[in-house]
Amino acid sequence: MPNRAVIHTEHAPEAIGTYSQAIKVENTVYLSGQIPLLPSTMTMISDDIGEQIQQVFDNLNAVCEAAGGSLASIVKLNIYLTDLVHFSRVNEIMAEVFSEPYPARAAIGVKSLPRDAQVEMDAIMVL
């Protein structure tokens, strides 16, 4: 079995279940889903979709940095939205936090997310 390391940072929300914020296997990091919780209070940032999307990227970046990378190191990004009408807003904010080449990506419409979040993202990062 390959060597696995648990990645944890106080700059991202604590896991709210039986999972790790991320797991590193050799030079690949598997990031668990992040919702728009503020790490300091574990409360939702707001009901505004733009603020929720930005907070999710901030949370993902904190975990990336704890593993020795950044958002630029993400090669695969999965985005879960409770309303796909917000897909264009995801694209707008993603263009502000990523530069080319953009990661491979999937956007999936879901019925609901933990804590009534409107967006969740998980990712794979290569260091």
C-alpha atoms as a PDB file:
ATOM      1  CA  MET A   1       0.000   0.000   0.000  1.00  0.00           C
ATOM      2  CA  PRO A   2       1.357   3.467  -0.872  1.00  0.00           C
ATOM      3  CA  ASN A   3       2.375   5.826   1.906  1.00  0.00           C
ATOM      4  CA  ARG A   4      -0.570   8.054   2.884  1.00  0.00           C
ATOM      5  CA  ALA A   5      -0.461  11.314   4.824  1.00  0.00           C
ATOM      6  CA  VAL A   6      -3.390  13.143   6.366  1.00  0.00           C
ATOM      7  CA  ILE A   7      -3.538  16.836   5.460  1.00  0.00           C
ATOM      8  CA  HIS A   8      -5.116  19.152   8.023  1.00  0.00           C
ATOM      9  CA  THR A   9      -5.281  22.906   8.510  1.00  0.00           C
ATOM     10  CA  GLU A  10      -7.129  25.190  10.891  1.00  0.00           C
ATOM     11  CA  HIS A  11      -7.513  27.629   7.975  1.00  0.00           C
ATOM     12  CA  ALA A  12     -10.254  25.457   6.466  1.00  0.00           C
ATOM     13  CA  PRO A  13     -13.397  24.094   8.130  1.00  0.00           C
ATOM     14  CA  GLU A  14     -12.969  21.066  10.361  1.00  0.00           C
ATOM     15  CA  ALA A  15     -14.296  17.806   8.950  1.00  0.00           C
ATOM     16  CA  ILE A  16     -17.953  17.421   9.957  1.00  0.00           C
ATOM     17  CA  GLY A  17     -17.944  13.663   9.526  1.00  0.00           C
ATOM     18  CA  THR A  18     -15.695  10.644   9.267  1.00  0.00           C
ATOM     19  CA  TYR A  19     -13.242  11.991   6.704  1.00  0.00           C
ATOM     20  CA  SER A  20     -10.019  13.983   6.398  1.00  0.00           C
ATOM     21  CA  GLN A  21      -9.678  17.404   4.792  1.00  0.00           C
ATOM     22  CA  ALA A  22      -7.292  15.754   2.339  1.00  0.00           C
ATOM     23  CA  ILE A  23      -5.108  12.695   1.886  1.00  0.00           C
ATOM     24  CA  LYS A  24      -1.713  12.825   0.179  1.00  0.00           C
ATOM     25  CA  VAL A  25      -0.439   9.740  -1.642  1.00  0.00           C
ATOM     26  CA  GLU A  26       3.026  10.317  -3.073  1.00  0.00           C
ATOM     27  CA  ASN A  27       2.678  13.543  -5.128  1.00  0.00           C
ATOM     28  CA  THR A  28      -1.127  13.426  -5.464  1.00  0.00           C
ATOM     29  CA  VAL A  29      -3.497  15.049  -2.974  1.00  0.00           C
ATOM     30  CA  TYR A  30      -7.171  14.120  -2.810  1.00  0.00           C
ATOM     31  CA  LEU A  31      -9.157  17.021  -1.340  1.00  0.00           C
ATOM     32  CA  SER A  32     -12.480  16.331   0.349  1.00  0.00           C
ATOM     33  CA  GLY A  33     -15.512  18.404  -0.504  1.00  0.00           C
ATOM     34  CA  GLN A  34     -15.566  21.932   0.878  1.00  0.00           C
ATOM     35  CA  ILE A  35     -18.726  23.922   1.510  1.00  0.00           C
ATOM     36  CA  PRO A  36     -18.819  27.675   2.275  1.00  0.00           C
ATOM     37  CA  LEU A  37     -18.235  27.454   6.013  1.00  0.00           C
ATOM     38  CA  LEU A  38     -16.082  30.039   7.734  1.00  0.00           C
ATOM     39  CA  PRO A  39     -13.266  28.093   9.411  1.00  0.00           C
ATOM     40  CA  SER A  40     -13.257  30.276  12.526  1.00  0.00           C
ATOM     41  CA  THR A  41     -16.949  29.804  13.356  1.00  0.00           C
ATOM     42  CA  MET A  42     -18.014  26.773  11.286  1.00  0.00           C
ATOM     43  CA  THR A  43     -21.002  28.814  10.088  1.00  0.00           C
ATOM     44  CA  MET A  44     -22.143  29.519   6.532  1.00  0.00           C
ATOM     45  CA  ILE A  45     -20.635  32.716   5.128  1.00  0.00           C
ATOM     46  CA  SER A  46     -24.008  33.975   3.804  1.00  0.00           C
ATOM     47  CA  ASP A  47     -26.852  33.072   1.459  1.00  0.00           C
ATOM     48  CA  ASP A  48     -25.206  34.973  -1.413  1.00  0.00           C
ATOM     49  CA  ILE A  49     -24.055  32.491  -4.072  1.00  0.00           C
ATOM     50  CA  GLY A  50     -21.052  34.604  -5.069  1.00  0.00           C
ATOM     51  CA  GLU A  51     -19.806  34.743  -1.480  1.00  0.00           C
ATOM     52  CA  GLN A  52     -20.425  31.017  -1.093  1.00  0.00           C
ATOM     53  CA  ILE A  53     -18.425  30.170  -4.234  1.00  0.00           C
ATOM     54  CA  GLN A  54     -15.536  32.423  -3.174  1.00  0.00           C
ATOM     55  CA  GLN A  55     -15.480  30.909   0.338  1.00  0.00           C
ATOM     56  CA  VAL A  56     -15.327  27.395  -1.102  1.00  0.00           C
ATOM     57  CA  PHE A  57     -12.319  28.398  -3.214  1.00  0.00           C
ATOM     58  CA  ASP A  58     -10.719  29.999  -0.125  1.00  0.00           C
ATOM     59  CA  ASN A  59     -11.279  26.787   1.850  1.00  0.00           C
ATOM     60  CA  LEU A  60      -9.886  24.609  -0.933  1.00  0.00           C
ATOM     61  CA  ASN A  61      -6.856  26.873  -1.243  1.00  0.00           C
ATOM     62  CA  ALA A  62      -6.159  26.613   2.495  1.00  0.00           C
ATOM     63  CA  VAL A  63      -6.088  22.815   2.241  1.00  0.00           C
ATOM     64  CA  CYS A  64      -3.952  22.992  -0.923  1.00  0.00           C
ATOM     65  CA  GLU A  65      -1.449  25.212   0.892  1.00  0.00           C
ATOM     66  CA  ALA A  66      -1.369  22.874   3.901  1.00  0.00           C
ATOM     67  CA  ALA A  67      -0.372  20.097   1.493  1.00  0.00           C
ATOM     68  CA  GLY A  68       2.352  22.211  -0.137  1.00  0.00           C
ATOM     69  CA  GLY A  69       0.438  23.394  -3.192  1.00  0.00           C
ATOM     70  CA  SER A  70      -2.087  25.980  -4.309  1.00  0.00           C
ATOM     71  CA  LEU A  71      -5.222  26.191  -6.413  1.00  0.00           C
ATOM     72  CA  ALA A  72      -2.888  26.229  -9.438  1.00  0.00           C
ATOM     73  CA  SER A  73      -1.862  22.674  -8.516  1.00  0.00           C
ATOM     74  CA  ILE A  74      -5.422  21.339  -8.939  1.00  0.00           C
ATOM     75  CA  VAL A  75      -5.758  19.073 -11.982  1.00  0.00           C
ATOM     76  CA  LYS A  76      -9.387  17.950 -11.455  1.00  0.00           C
ATOM     77  CA  LEU A  77     -12.204  19.945  -9.877  1.00  0.00           C
ATOM     78  CA  ASN A  78     -15.726  18.715  -9.169  1.00  0.00           C
ATOM     79  CA  ILE A  79     -18.410  21.333  -8.524  1.00  0.00           C
ATOM     80  CA  TYR A  80     -21.782  20.482  -7.013  1.00  0.00           C
ATOM     81  CA  LEU A  81     -24.570  23.071  -7.267  1.00  0.00           C
ATOM     82  CA  THR A  82     -28.096  22.917  -5.903  1.00  0.00           C
ATOM     83  CA  ASP A  83     -29.149  25.121  -8.841  1.00  0.00           C
ATOM     84  CA  LEU A  84     -27.263  24.992 -12.137  1.00  0.00           C
ATOM     85  CA  VAL A  85     -28.451  28.521 -12.908  1.00  0.00           C
ATOM     86  CA  HIS A  86     -25.402  29.574 -10.841  1.00  0.00           C
ATOM     87  CA  PHE A  87     -22.982  27.858 -13.240  1.00  0.00           C
ATOM     88  CA  SER A  88     -22.141  31.154 -14.976  1.00  0.00           C
ATOM     89  CA  ARG A  89     -21.280  32.728 -11.601  1.00  0.00           C
ATOM     90  CA  VAL A  90     -18.936  29.794 -10.902  1.00  0.00           C
ATOM     91  CA  ASN A  91     -17.217  30.485 -14.235  1.00  0.00           C
ATOM     92  CA  GLU A  92     -16.819  34.190 -13.405  1.00  0.00           C
ATOM     93  CA  ILE A  93     -15.240  33.546 -10.005  1.00  0.00           C
ATOM     94  CA  MET A  94     -13.184  30.632 -11.277  1.00  0.00           C
ATOM     95  CA  ALA A  95     -11.642  32.947 -13.906  1.00  0.00           C
ATOM     96  CA  GLU A  96     -10.541  35.235 -11.047  1.00  0.00           C
ATOM     97  CA  VAL A  97      -8.913  32.514  -8.901  1.00  0.00           C
ATOM     98  CA  PHE A  98      -7.413  30.264 -11.602  1.00  0.00           C
ATOM     99  CA  SER A  99      -5.270  30.969 -14.628  1.00  0.00           C
ATOM    100  CA  GLU A 100      -4.721  28.847 -17.702  1.00  0.00           C
ATOM    101  CA  PRO A 101      -4.332  25.985 -18.043  1.00  0.00           C
ATOM    102  CA  TYR A 102      -7.555  25.489 -16.099  1.00  0.00           C
ATOM    103  CA  PRO A 103      -8.117  22.171 -14.333  1.00  0.00           C
ATOM    104  CA  ALA A 104     -10.330  19.485 -15.804  1.00  0.00           C
ATOM    105  CA  ARG A 105     -13.772  19.978 -14.309  1.00  0.00           C
ATOM    106  CA  ALA A 106     -17.248  18.590 -13.811  1.00  0.00           C
ATOM    107  CA  ALA A 107     -20.314  20.553 -12.718  1.00  0.00           C
ATOM    108  CA  ILE A 108     -23.101  18.491 -11.221  1.00  0.00           C
ATOM    109  CA  GLY A 109     -26.595  19.554 -10.201  1.00  0.00           C
ATOM    110  CA  VAL A 110     -27.645  18.050  -6.873  1.00  0.00           C
ATOM    111  CA  LYS A 111     -30.819  18.182  -4.818  1.00  0.00           C
ATOM    112  CA  SER A 112     -29.177  19.294  -1.566  1.00  0.00           C
ATOM    113  CA  LEU A 113     -25.832  19.733   0.170  1.00  0.00           C
ATOM    114  CA  PRO A 114     -24.719  19.626   3.815  1.00  0.00           C
ATOM    115  CA  ARG A 115     -25.864  22.539   5.993  1.00  0.00           C
ATOM    116  CA  ASP A 116     -28.038  23.864   3.140  1.00  0.00           C
ATOM    117  CA  ALA A 117     -24.992  25.051   1.194  1.00  0.00           C
ATOM    118  CA  GLN A 118     -25.639  25.997  -2.428  1.00  0.00           C
ATOM    119  CA  VAL A 119     -22.208  24.851  -3.615  1.00  0.00           C
ATOM    120  CA  GLU A 120     -19.596  22.240  -2.734  1.00  0.00           C
ATOM    121  CA  MET A 121     -16.312  21.403  -4.465  1.00  0.00           C
ATOM    122  CA  ASP A 122     -13.742  18.648  -4.197  1.00  0.00           C
ATOM    123  CA  ALA A 123     -10.511  18.298  -6.110  1.00  0.00           C
ATOM    124  CA  ILE A 124      -7.411  16.328  -7.009  1.00  0.00           C
ATOM    125  CA  MET A 125      -4.094  18.138  -6.834  1.00  0.00           C
ATOM    126  CA  VAL A 126      -0.691  17.044  -8.131  1.00  0.00           C
ATOM    127  CA  LEU A 127       2.418  18.510  -6.516  1.00  0.00           C
END
